[in-house]
Amino acid sequence: MKKSVEEDVFIPLYPKSTVEDKSSLRSKFQERRFWSAVKLLSNVVLWDGIVQEDKVRDLGLSKLLNRYLLLNILNTPLGLHNIGKCNKVVACLPERWFQDLKGGSTLPELLNFSQHLLQ
């Protein structure tokens, strides 16, 4: 899993003006790479309970979400498309990780993502 996250994930960052045109080749390529990384996130998280939780959280959240996915989400214009991306990422996260949190708090690895959601 670590090798896949470190070597196989590539999401190019293009200027917002380039990706706003959803029919452009750059935009389509970036979208395919984003959704591929979301699928990898969901697969990494499936190992929760089998592999040590801290390892799964490190790979899934610290490396995959914060290093790749969040940058793309922040570069996506605000609107329904951005909300859809955020919903898919949230759907990947196991509820068990949030059971012991107090109201209004989140996992440390999700602080930046949470701030984006609040905006």
Protein backbone atom coordinates (compact mmCIF):
# COMPACT_ATOMS: atom_id res chain seq x y z
CA MET A 1 0.00 0.00 0.00
CA LYS A 2 2.79 2.37 0.91
CA LYS A 3 4.47 1.80 -2.44
CA SER A 4 1.21 2.49 -4.31
CA VAL A 5 0.63 5.73 -2.42
CA GLU A 6 4.20 6.93 -2.83
CA GLU A 7 4.86 5.81 -6.41
CA ASP A 8 1.56 5.38 -8.26
CA VAL A 9 -0.39 8.48 -7.28
CA PHE A 10 0.04 11.47 -9.55
CA ILE A 11 -2.45 14.29 -9.77
CA PRO A 12 -1.15 17.20 -11.83
CA LEU A 13 -1.94 20.70 -10.64
CA TYR A 14 -2.98 23.09 -13.36
CA PRO A 15 -4.05 26.71 -12.98
CA LYS A 16 -7.75 27.12 -12.10
CA SER A 17 -8.35 28.82 -15.44
CA THR A 18 -7.17 25.66 -17.22
CA VAL A 19 -9.35 23.21 -15.31
CA GLU A 20 -12.50 25.36 -15.29
CA ASP A 21 -13.07 24.20 -18.87
CA LYS A 22 -14.31 20.67 -18.09
CA SER A 23 -13.94 19.63 -21.73
CA SER A 24 -10.20 20.36 -21.85
CA LEU A 25 -7.83 17.40 -21.94
CA ARG A 26 -5.94 18.68 -18.90
CA SER A 27 -9.11 18.93 -16.87
CA LYS A 28 -10.25 15.45 -17.86
CA PHE A 29 -6.84 13.94 -17.07
CA GLN A 30 -6.70 15.66 -13.70
CA GLU A 31 -10.20 14.41 -12.87
CA ARG A 32 -9.36 10.81 -13.78
CA ARG A 33 -6.25 10.93 -11.61
CA PHE A 34 -8.21 12.46 -8.72
CA TRP A 35 -10.89 9.75 -8.81
CA SER A 36 -8.23 7.07 -9.08
CA ALA A 37 -6.64 8.43 -5.90
CA VAL A 38 -10.04 8.50 -4.15
CA LYS A 39 -10.48 4.84 -5.05
CA LEU A 40 -7.04 4.10 -3.63
CA LEU A 41 -8.03 5.96 -0.44
CA SER A 42 -11.13 3.80 -0.09
CA ASN A 43 -9.03 0.66 -0.62
CA VAL A 44 -6.39 1.74 1.93
CA VAL A 45 -9.07 2.47 4.52
CA LEU A 46 -10.57 -1.01 4.02
CA TRP A 47 -7.48 -2.35 5.78
CA ASP A 48 -8.49 -0.58 9.01
CA GLY A 49 -8.85 -3.21 11.70
CA ILE A 50 -6.49 -5.58 9.89
CA VAL A 51 -3.42 -3.34 9.69
CA GLN A 52 -2.52 -1.05 12.59
CA GLU A 53 -4.81 1.97 12.64
CA ASP A 54 -1.95 4.47 12.83
CA LYS A 55 -0.41 2.99 9.66
CA VAL A 56 -3.73 3.16 7.79
CA ARG A 57 -4.35 6.73 8.96
CA ASP A 58 -0.84 7.77 7.99
CA LEU A 59 -1.14 6.35 4.49
CA GLY A 60 -4.75 7.33 3.90
CA LEU A 61 -4.95 10.70 5.57
CA SER A 62 -1.46 12.15 5.99
CA LYS A 63 -0.06 10.96 2.70
CA LEU A 64 -2.96 10.44 0.30
CA LEU A 65 -5.58 12.93 1.44
CA ASN A 66 -3.36 15.77 2.60
CA ARG A 67 -0.63 15.38 0.00
CA TYR A 68 -2.70 14.76 -3.13
CA LEU A 69 -6.46 14.89 -2.79
CA LEU A 70 -6.77 18.04 -0.72
CA LEU A 71 -4.59 20.04 -3.10
CA ASN A 72 -6.90 19.09 -5.95
CA ILE A 73 -10.02 19.88 -3.91
CA LEU A 74 -8.64 23.30 -2.98
CA ASN A 75 -7.86 23.94 -6.65
CA THR A 76 -11.42 23.01 -7.71
CA PRO A 77 -13.78 26.00 -7.98
CA LEU A 78 -16.34 26.12 -5.17
CA GLY A 79 -19.69 24.65 -6.12
CA LEU A 80 -21.48 21.35 -6.58
CA HIS A 81 -18.47 19.63 -8.14
CA ASN A 82 -16.29 20.54 -5.17
CA ILE A 83 -18.98 19.35 -2.75
CA GLY A 84 -19.23 16.06 -4.64
CA LYS A 85 -15.50 15.48 -4.30
CA CYS A 86 -15.62 16.24 -0.57
CA ASN A 87 -18.59 13.90 -0.08
CA LYS A 88 -16.75 11.02 -1.75
CA VAL A 89 -13.69 11.58 0.45
CA VAL A 90 -15.82 11.70 3.60
CA ALA A 91 -17.63 8.50 2.54
CA CYS A 92 -14.28 6.69 2.56
CA LEU A 93 -13.55 7.45 6.20
CA PRO A 94 -14.49 4.81 8.79
CA GLU A 95 -16.99 6.03 11.40
CA ARG A 96 -14.99 4.19 14.06
CA TRP A 97 -12.24 6.81 13.80
CA PHE A 98 -14.65 9.48 15.04
CA GLN A 99 -16.40 7.65 17.89
CA ASP A 100 -14.18 8.89 20.72
CA LEU A 101 -13.96 12.51 19.54
CA LYS A 102 -15.65 15.25 21.50
CA GLY A 103 -18.13 17.57 19.79
CA GLY A 104 -16.58 20.07 17.42
CA SER A 105 -13.24 18.26 17.19
CA THR A 106 -11.71 16.16 14.45
CA LEU A 107 -8.71 13.99 13.79
CA PRO A 108 -5.45 15.96 13.61
CA GLU A 109 -4.86 14.71 10.06
CA LEU A 110 -8.21 16.14 8.98
CA LEU A 111 -7.78 19.71 10.24
CA ASN A 112 -7.08 21.24 6.82
CA PHE A 113 -9.86 19.25 5.17
CA SER A 114 -12.27 20.26 7.95
CA GLN A 115 -11.38 23.91 7.51
CA HIS A 116 -12.15 23.63 3.81
CA LEU A 117 -15.50 22.02 4.57
CA LEU A 118 -16.36 24.83 6.99
CA GLN A 119 -15.70 27.42 4.28
